[in-house]
Amino acid sequence: MKNLLKSAFVILLLVSCKETPKTSDPSASKVLDGAINEVSGKNGDINKKYDDLRKGLGTKTPLTDDQLIEAFPKKLSNLSLDP
């Protein structure tokens, strides 16, 4: 029940914060529409981008411990790091 009330409150807040196009400039309204669409999952371009990234990450091999230690910097600026 609490989750339902919280989600209803968030949706009400998003809808109430949306300004009418008559009183605001169109660019701000487009930004808010984009944010609402992204939160609600209605943005096809971003969903496709995330799907492509997920597929790409699925084919990558994580570094082994030795490779990670080799890739880590030995010295950062004038500070030496722990071995």
PDB file of N, CA and C in Angstrom:
ATOM      1  N   MET A   1       0.826  -1.190   0.000  1.00  0.00           N
ATOM      2  CA  MET A   1       0.000   0.000   0.000  1.00  0.00           C
ATOM      3  C   MET A   1       0.872   1.258   0.000  1.00  0.00           C
ATOM      4  N   LYS A   2       1.974   1.197   0.777  1.00  0.00           N
ATOM      5  CA  LYS A   2       2.861   2.358   0.827  1.00  0.00           C
ATOM      6  C   LYS A   2       3.490   2.631  -0.537  1.00  0.00           C
ATOM      7  N   ASN A   3       3.892   1.558  -1.221  1.00  0.00           N
ATOM      8  CA  ASN A   3       4.511   1.725  -2.536  1.00  0.00           C
ATOM      9  C   ASN A   3       3.535   2.331  -3.521  1.00  0.00           C
ATOM     10  N   LEU A   4       2.285   1.933  -3.441  1.00  0.00           N
ATOM     11  CA  LEU A   4       1.265   2.480  -4.324  1.00  0.00           C
ATOM     12  C   LEU A   4       1.079   3.970  -4.061  1.00  0.00           C
ATOM     13  N   LEU A   5       1.052   4.352  -2.787  1.00  0.00           N
ATOM     14  CA  LEU A   5       0.898   5.765  -2.456  1.00  0.00           C
ATOM     15  C   LEU A   5       2.118   6.575  -2.880  1.00  0.00           C
ATOM     16  N   LYS A   6       3.302   6.017  -2.688  1.00  0.00           N
ATOM     17  CA  LYS A   6       4.526   6.720  -3.086  1.00  0.00           C
ATOM     18  C   LYS A   6       4.579   6.911  -4.593  1.00  0.00           C
ATOM     19  N   SER A   7       4.258   5.853  -5.347  1.00  0.00           N
ATOM     20  CA  SER A   7       4.299   5.975  -6.801  1.00  0.00           C
ATOM     21  C   SER A   7       3.224   6.929  -7.311  1.00  0.00           C
ATOM     22  N   ALA A   8       2.048   6.923  -6.684  1.00  0.00           N
ATOM     23  CA  ALA A   8       0.999   7.866  -7.077  1.00  0.00           C
ATOM     24  C   ALA A   8       1.439   9.295  -6.788  1.00  0.00           C
ATOM     25  N   PHE A   9       2.120   9.496  -5.672  1.00  0.00           N
ATOM     26  CA  PHE A   9       2.613  10.828  -5.331  1.00  0.00           C
ATOM     27  C   PHE A   9       3.662  11.300  -6.335  1.00  0.00           C
ATOM     28  N   VAL A  10       4.562  10.418  -6.748  1.00  0.00           N
ATOM     29  CA  VAL A  10       5.598  10.789  -7.719  1.00  0.00           C
ATOM     30  C   VAL A  10       4.963  11.142  -9.059  1.00  0.00           C
ATOM     31  N   ILE A  11       4.006  10.350  -9.503  1.00  0.00           N
ATOM     32  CA  ILE A  11       3.339  10.634 -10.774  1.00  0.00           C
ATOM     33  C   ILE A  11       2.579  11.947 -10.693  1.00  0.00           C
ATOM     34  N   LEU A  12       1.898  12.174  -9.578  1.00  0.00           N
ATOM     35  CA  LEU A  12       1.173  13.438  -9.384  1.00  0.00           C
ATOM     36  C   LEU A  12       2.135  14.617  -9.387  1.00  0.00           C
ATOM     37  N   LEU A  13       3.271  14.452  -8.757  1.00  0.00           N
ATOM     38  CA  LEU A  13       4.273  15.520  -8.725  1.00  0.00           C
ATOM     39  C   LEU A  13       4.811  15.816 -10.120  1.00  0.00           C
ATOM     40  N   LEU A  14       5.099  14.780 -10.897  1.00  0.00           N
ATOM     41  CA  LEU A  14       5.605  14.977 -12.254  1.00  0.00           C
ATOM     42  C   LEU A  14       4.578  15.685 -13.132  1.00  0.00           C
ATOM     43  N   VAL A  15       3.335  15.269 -13.010  1.00  0.00           N
ATOM     44  CA  VAL A  15       2.292  15.869 -13.838  1.00  0.00           C
ATOM     45  C   VAL A  15       2.018  17.304 -13.408  1.00  0.00           C
ATOM     46  N   SER A  16       2.039  17.565 -12.118  1.00  0.00           N
ATOM     47  CA  SER A  16       1.742  18.915 -11.649  1.00  0.00           C
ATOM     48  C   SER A  16       2.884  19.889 -11.931  1.00  0.00           C
ATOM     49  N   CYS A  17       4.107  19.382 -12.029  1.00  0.00           N
ATOM     50  CA  CYS A  17       5.245  20.255 -12.323  1.00  0.00           C
ATOM     51  C   CYS A  17       5.327  20.604 -13.806  1.00  0.00           C
ATOM     52  N   LYS A  18       4.644  19.857 -14.631  1.00  0.00           N
ATOM     53  CA  LYS A  18       4.683  20.121 -16.062  1.00  0.00           C
ATOM     54  C   LYS A  18       3.919  21.406 -16.360  1.00  0.00           C
ATOM     55  N   GLU A  19       4.606  22.359 -16.953  1.00  0.00           N
ATOM     56  CA  GLU A  19       3.981  23.639 -17.265  1.00  0.00           C
ATOM     57  C   GLU A  19       3.221  23.547 -18.577  1.00  0.00           C
ATOM     58  N   THR A  20       2.239  24.387 -18.721  1.00  0.00           N
ATOM     59  CA  THR A  20       1.498  24.417 -19.978  1.00  0.00           C
ATOM     60  C   THR A  20       2.335  25.127 -21.024  1.00  0.00           C
ATOM     61  N   PRO A  21       2.260  24.734 -22.291  1.00  0.00           N
ATOM     62  CA  PRO A  21       3.067  25.356 -23.337  1.00  0.00           C
ATOM     63  C   PRO A  21       2.772  26.843 -23.518  1.00  0.00           C
ATOM     64  N   LYS A  22       1.588  27.302 -23.111  1.00  0.00           N
ATOM     65  CA  LYS A  22       1.253  28.718 -23.272  1.00  0.00           C
ATOM     66  C   LYS A  22       2.096  29.602 -22.364  1.00  0.00           C
ATOM     67  N   THR A  23       2.426  29.108 -21.181  1.00  0.00           N
ATOM     68  CA  THR A  23       3.128  29.942 -20.213  1.00  0.00           C
ATOM     69  C   THR A  23       4.629  29.717 -20.177  1.00  0.00           C
ATOM     70  N   SER A  24       5.123  28.672 -20.820  1.00  0.00           N
ATOM     71  CA  SER A  24       6.556  28.409 -20.773  1.00  0.00           C
ATOM     72  C   SER A  24       7.116  28.322 -22.190  1.00  0.00           C
ATOM     73  N   ASP A  25       8.423  28.406 -22.273  1.00  0.00           N
ATOM     74  CA  ASP A  25       9.042  28.288 -23.590  1.00  0.00           C
ATOM     75  C   ASP A  25       9.041  26.819 -24.016  1.00  0.00           C
ATOM     76  N   PRO A  26       8.974  26.561 -25.318  1.00  0.00           N
ATOM     77  CA  PRO A  26       8.852  25.181 -25.809  1.00  0.00           C
ATOM     78  C   PRO A  26      10.044  24.290 -25.477  1.00  0.00           C
ATOM     79  N   SER A  27      11.234  24.862 -25.383  1.00  0.00           N
ATOM     80  CA  SER A  27      12.404  24.024 -25.124  1.00  0.00           C
ATOM     81  C   SER A  27      12.349  23.420 -23.720  1.00  0.00           C
ATOM     82  N   ALA A  28      11.882  24.203 -22.750  1.00  0.00           N
ATOM     83  CA  ALA A  28      11.772  23.671 -21.387  1.00  0.00           C
ATOM     84  C   ALA A  28      10.715  22.585 -21.317  1.00  0.00           C
ATOM     85  N   SER A  29       9.636  22.770 -22.048  1.00  0.00           N
ATOM     86  CA  SER A  29       8.573  21.765 -22.062  1.00  0.00           C
ATOM     87  C   SER A  29       9.065  20.470 -22.704  1.00  0.00           C
ATOM     88  N   LYS A  30       9.876  20.576 -23.769  1.00  0.00           N
ATOM     89  CA  LYS A  30      10.414  19.392 -24.430  1.00  0.00           C
ATOM     90  C   LYS A  30      11.366  18.636 -23.502  1.00  0.00           C
ATOM     91  N   VAL A  31      12.155  19.374 -22.726  1.00  0.00           N
ATOM     92  CA  VAL A  31      13.085  18.743 -21.801  1.00  0.00           C
ATOM     93  C   VAL A  31      12.313  17.975 -20.733  1.00  0.00           C
ATOM     94  N   LEU A  32      11.258  18.588 -20.218  1.00  0.00           N
ATOM     95  CA  LEU A  32      10.455  17.932 -19.192  1.00  0.00           C
ATOM     96  C   LEU A  32       9.724  16.721 -19.758  1.00  0.00           C
ATOM     97  N   ASP A  33       9.219  16.829 -20.982  1.00  0.00           N
ATOM     98  CA  ASP A  33       8.568  15.686 -21.629  1.00  0.00           C
ATOM     99  C   ASP A  33       9.557  14.538 -21.811  1.00  0.00           C
ATOM    100  N   GLY A  34      10.780  14.870 -22.207  1.00  0.00           N
ATOM    101  CA  GLY A  34      11.808  13.844 -22.371  1.00  0.00           C
ATOM    102  C   GLY A  34      12.145  13.162 -21.061  1.00  0.00           C
ATOM    103  N   ALA A  35      12.212  13.938 -19.972  1.00  0.00           N
ATOM    104  CA  ALA A  35      12.503  13.357 -18.664  1.00  0.00           C
ATOM    105  C   ALA A  35      11.371  12.442 -18.205  1.00  0.00           C
ATOM    106  N   ILE A  36      10.136  12.870 -18.414  1.00  0.00           N
ATOM    107  CA  ILE A  36       8.989  12.048 -18.030  1.00  0.00           C
ATOM    108  C   ILE A  36       8.961  10.764 -18.855  1.00  0.00           C
ATOM    109  N   ASN A  37       9.232  10.863 -20.147  1.00  0.00           N
ATOM    110  CA  ASN A  37       9.247   9.676 -21.000  1.00  0.00           C
ATOM    111  C   ASN A  37      10.360   8.720 -20.601  1.00  0.00           C
ATOM    112  N   GLU A  38      11.513   9.267 -20.217  1.00  0.00           N
ATOM    113  CA  GLU A  38      12.621   8.405 -19.818  1.00  0.00           C
ATOM    114  C   GLU A  38      12.301   7.679 -18.517  1.00  0.00           C
ATOM    115  N   VAL A  39      11.676   8.371 -17.572  1.00  0.00           N
ATOM    116  CA  VAL A  39      11.326   7.749 -16.301  1.00  0.00           C
ATOM    117  C   VAL A  39      10.272   6.672 -16.497  1.00  0.00           C
ATOM    118  N   SER A  40       9.296   6.938 -17.352  1.00  0.00           N
ATOM    119  CA  SER A  40       8.215   5.979 -17.556  1.00  0.00           C
ATOM    120  C   SER A  40       8.581   4.892 -18.569  1.00  0.00           C
ATOM    121  N   GLY A  41       9.736   4.991 -19.224  1.00  0.00           N
ATOM    122  CA  GLY A  41      10.189   3.956 -20.159  1.00  0.00           C
ATOM    123  C   GLY A  41       9.566   4.054 -21.531  1.00  0.00           C
ATOM    124  N   LYS A  42       9.102   5.236 -21.926  1.00  0.00           N
ATOM    125  CA  LYS A  42       8.447   5.404 -23.221  1.00  0.00           C
ATOM    126  C   LYS A  42       9.374   5.982 -24.279  1.00  0.00           C
ATOM    127  N   ASN A  43      10.669   5.957 -24.071  1.00  0.00           N
ATOM    128  CA  ASN A  43      11.610   6.531 -25.008  1.00  0.00           C
ATOM    129  C   ASN A  43      12.301   5.411 -25.780  1.00  0.00           C
ATOM    130  N   GLY A  44      11.881   5.189 -27.008  1.00  0.00           N
ATOM    131  CA  GLY A  44      12.389   4.085 -27.821  1.00  0.00           C
ATOM    132  C   GLY A  44      13.865   4.222 -28.151  1.00  0.00           C
ATOM    133  N   ASP A  45      14.342   5.449 -28.390  1.00  0.00           N
ATOM    134  CA  ASP A  45      15.748   5.643 -28.745  1.00  0.00           C
ATOM    135  C   ASP A  45      16.664   5.227 -27.602  1.00  0.00           C
ATOM    136  N   ILE A  46      16.326   5.637 -26.399  1.00  0.00           N
ATOM    137  CA  ILE A  46      17.162   5.309 -25.240  1.00  0.00           C
ATOM    138  C   ILE A  46      17.078   3.816 -24.937  1.00  0.00           C
ATOM    139  N   ASN A  47      15.888   3.231 -25.069  1.00  0.00           N
ATOM    140  CA  ASN A  47      15.753   1.796 -24.841  1.00  0.00           C
ATOM    141  C   ASN A  47      16.605   1.008 -25.826  1.00  0.00           C
ATOM    142  N   LYS A  48      16.639   1.436 -27.095  1.00  0.00           N
ATOM    143  CA  LYS A  48      17.461   0.757 -28.105  1.00  0.00           C
ATOM    144  C   LYS A  48      18.947   0.915 -27.776  1.00  0.00           C
ATOM    145  N   LYS A  49      19.324   2.105 -27.329  1.00  0.00           N
ATOM    146  CA  LYS A  49      20.719   2.358 -26.973  1.00  0.00           C
ATOM    147  C   LYS A  49      21.144   1.461 -25.808  1.00  0.00           C
ATOM    148  N   TYR A  50      20.288   1.340 -24.784  1.00  0.00           N
ATOM    149  CA  TYR A  50      20.608   0.488 -23.643  1.00  0.00           C
ATOM    150  C   TYR A  50      20.676  -0.984 -24.051  1.00  0.00           C
ATOM    151  N   ASP A  51      19.792  -1.405 -24.952  1.00  0.00           N
ATOM    152  CA  ASP A  51      19.836  -2.782 -25.428  1.00  0.00           C
ATOM    153  C   ASP A  51      21.140  -3.064 -26.167  1.00  0.00           C
ATOM    154  N   ASP A  52      21.582  -2.105 -27.004  1.00  0.00           N
ATOM    155  CA  ASP A  52      22.851  -2.268 -27.716  1.00  0.00           C
ATOM    156  C   ASP A  52      24.023  -2.331 -26.744  1.00  0.00           C
ATOM    157  N   LEU A  53      24.005  -1.480 -25.721  1.00  0.00           N
ATOM    158  CA  LEU A  53      25.079  -1.490 -24.729  1.00  0.00           C
ATOM    159  C   LEU A  53      25.104  -2.806 -23.960  1.00  0.00           C
ATOM    160  N   ARG A  54      23.920  -3.313 -23.618  1.00  0.00           N
ATOM    161  CA  ARG A  54      23.849  -4.569 -22.882  1.00  0.00           C
ATOM    162  C   ARG A  54      24.387  -5.727 -23.735  1.00  0.00           C
ATOM    163  N   LYS A  55      24.064  -5.733 -25.024  1.00  0.00           N
ATOM    164  CA  LYS A  55      24.587  -6.769 -25.910  1.00  0.00           C
ATOM    165  C   LYS A  55      26.103  -6.668 -26.027  1.00  0.00           C
ATOM    166  N   GLY A  56      26.607  -5.429 -26.131  1.00  0.00           N
ATOM    167  CA  GLY A  56      28.043  -5.226 -26.233  1.00  0.00           C
ATOM    168  C   GLY A  56      28.773  -5.649 -24.975  1.00  0.00           C
ATOM    169  N   LEU A  57      28.195  -5.349 -23.817  1.00  0.00           N
ATOM    170  CA  LEU A  57      28.834  -5.743 -22.567  1.00  0.00           C
ATOM    171  C   LEU A  57      28.791  -7.258 -22.366  1.00  0.00           C
ATOM    172  N   GLY A  58      27.811  -7.911 -22.949  1.00  0.00           N
ATOM    173  CA  GLY A  58      27.728  -9.360 -22.828  1.00  0.00           C
ATOM    174  C   GLY A  58      28.838 -10.073 -23.560  1.00  0.00           C
ATOM    175  N   THR A  59      29.426  -9.432 -24.564  1.00  0.00           N
ATOM    176  CA  THR A  59      30.506 -10.055 -25.329  1.00  0.00           C
ATOM    177  C   THR A  59      31.889  -9.712 -24.783  1.00  0.00           C
ATOM    178  N   LYS A  60      31.977  -8.801 -23.841  1.00  0.00           N
ATOM    179  CA  LYS A  60      33.267  -8.391 -23.276  1.00  0.00           C
ATOM    180  C   LYS A  60      33.710  -9.373 -22.200  1.00  0.00           C
ATOM    181  N   THR A  61      35.026  -9.530 -22.079  1.00  0.00           N
ATOM    182  CA  THR A  61      35.602 -10.381 -21.049  1.00  0.00           C
ATOM    183  C   THR A  61      36.197  -9.486 -19.966  1.00  0.00           C
ATOM    184  N   PRO A  62      35.826  -9.687 -18.716  1.00  0.00           N
ATOM    185  CA  PRO A  62      36.399  -8.855 -17.655  1.00  0.00           C
ATOM    186  C   PRO A  62      37.891  -9.132 -17.480  1.00  0.00           C
ATOM    187  N   LEU A  63      38.596  -8.146 -16.942  1.00  0.00           N
ATOM    188  CA  LEU A  63      40.034  -8.293 -16.711  1.00  0.00           C
ATOM    189  C   LEU A  63      40.286  -9.277 -15.575  1.00  0.00           C
ATOM    190  N   THR A  64      41.402  -9.999 -15.703  1.00  0.00           N
ATOM    191  CA  THR A  64      41.826 -10.857 -14.599  1.00  0.00           C
ATOM    192  C   THR A  64      42.471  -9.967 -13.543  1.00  0.00           C
ATOM    193  N   ASP A  65      42.754 -10.542 -12.382  1.00  0.00           N
ATOM    194  CA  ASP A  65      43.368  -9.758 -11.312  1.00  0.00           C
ATOM    195  C   ASP A  65      44.721  -9.187 -11.743  1.00  0.00           C
ATOM    196  N   ASP A  66      45.518  -9.991 -12.426  1.00  0.00           N
ATOM    197  CA  ASP A  66      46.841  -9.526 -12.866  1.00  0.00           C
ATOM    198  C   ASP A  66      46.722  -8.394 -13.890  1.00  0.00           C
ATOM    199  N   GLN A  67      45.772  -8.530 -14.817  1.00  0.00           N
ATOM    200  CA  GLN A  67      45.576  -7.483 -15.823  1.00  0.00           C
ATOM    201  C   GLN A  67      45.086  -6.192 -15.171  1.00  0.00           C
ATOM    202  N   LEU A  68      44.235  -6.317 -14.161  1.00  0.00           N
ATOM    203  CA  LEU A  68      43.726  -5.132 -13.476  1.00  0.00           C
ATOM    204  C   LEU A  68      44.830  -4.414 -12.709  1.00  0.00           C
ATOM    205  N   ILE A  69      45.698  -5.171 -12.064  1.00  0.00           N
ATOM    206  CA  ILE A  69      46.818  -4.566 -11.333  1.00  0.00           C
ATOM    207  C   ILE A  69      47.768  -3.876 -12.306  1.00  0.00           C
ATOM    208  N   GLU A  70      48.002  -4.469 -13.475  1.00  0.00           N
ATOM    209  CA  GLU A  70      48.865  -3.848 -14.491  1.00  0.00           C
ATOM    210  C   GLU A  70      48.235  -2.566 -15.034  1.00  0.00           C
ATOM    211  N   ALA A  71      46.933  -2.531 -15.174  1.00  0.00           N
ATOM    212  CA  ALA A  71      46.258  -1.363 -15.731  1.00  0.00           C
ATOM    213  C   ALA A  71      46.144  -0.230 -14.714  1.00  0.00           C
ATOM    214  N   PHE A  72      46.212  -0.545 -13.433  1.00  0.00           N
ATOM    215  CA  PHE A  72      46.092   0.472 -12.391  1.00  0.00           C
ATOM    216  C   PHE A  72      47.360   1.312 -12.348  1.00  0.00           C
ATOM    217  N   PRO A  73      47.259   2.628 -12.229  1.00  0.00           N
ATOM    218  CA  PRO A  73      48.474   3.469 -12.240  1.00  0.00           C
ATOM    219  C   PRO A  73      49.346   3.224 -11.007  1.00  0.00           C
ATOM    220  N   LYS A  74      50.653   3.312 -11.228  1.00  0.00           N
ATOM    221  CA  LYS A  74      51.603   3.126 -10.129  1.00  0.00           C
ATOM    222  C   LYS A  74      51.765   4.400  -9.317  1.00  0.00           C
ATOM    223  N   LYS A  75      51.584   5.539  -9.972  1.00  0.00           N
ATOM    224  CA  LYS A  75      51.752   6.820  -9.302  1.00  0.00           C
ATOM    225  C   LYS A  75      50.699   7.774  -9.837  1.00  0.00           C
ATOM    226  N   LEU A  76      50.084   8.523  -8.965  1.00  0.00           N
ATOM    227  CA  LEU A  76      49.055   9.468  -9.339  1.00  0.00           C
ATOM    228  C   LEU A  76      49.558  10.858  -8.989  1.00  0.00           C
ATOM    229  N   SER A  77      49.912  11.623 -10.034  1.00  0.00           N
ATOM    230  CA  SER A  77      50.475  12.958  -9.856  1.00  0.00           C
ATOM    231  C   SER A  77      51.752  12.817  -9.033  1.00  0.00           C
ATOM    232  N   ASN A  78      51.857  13.488  -7.909  1.00  0.00           N
ATOM    233  CA  ASN A  78      53.062  13.344  -7.115  1.00  0.00           C
ATOM    234  C   ASN A  78      52.814  12.447  -5.889  1.00  0.00           C
ATOM    235  N   LEU A  79      51.682  11.736  -5.892  1.00  0.00           N
ATOM    236  CA  LEU A  79      51.363  10.816  -4.810  1.00  0.00           C
ATOM    237  C   LEU A  79      51.671   9.395  -5.245  1.00  0.00           C
ATOM    238  N   SER A  80      52.417   8.669  -4.421  1.00  0.00           N
ATOM    239  CA  SER A  80      52.644   7.266  -4.748  1.00  0.00           C
ATOM    240  C   SER A  80      51.502   6.452  -4.135  1.00  0.00           C
ATOM    241  N   LEU A  81      51.092   5.435  -4.853  1.00  0.00           N
ATOM    242  CA  LEU A  81      49.989   4.605  -4.405  1.00  0.00           C
ATOM    243  C   LEU A  81      50.502   3.362  -3.730  1.00  0.00           C
ATOM    244  N   ASP A  82      49.677   2.750  -2.930  1.00  0.00           N
ATOM    245  CA  ASP A  82      50.079   1.513  -2.252  1.00  0.00           C
ATOM    246  C   ASP A  82      50.331   0.423  -3.291  1.00  0.00           C
ATOM    247  N   PRO A  83      51.346  -0.419  -3.056  1.00  0.00           N
ATOM    248  CA  PRO A  83      51.655  -1.491  -4.035  1.00  0.00           C
ATOM    249  C   PRO A  83      50.606  -2.572  -4.058  1.00  0.00           C
TER     250      PRO A  83
END
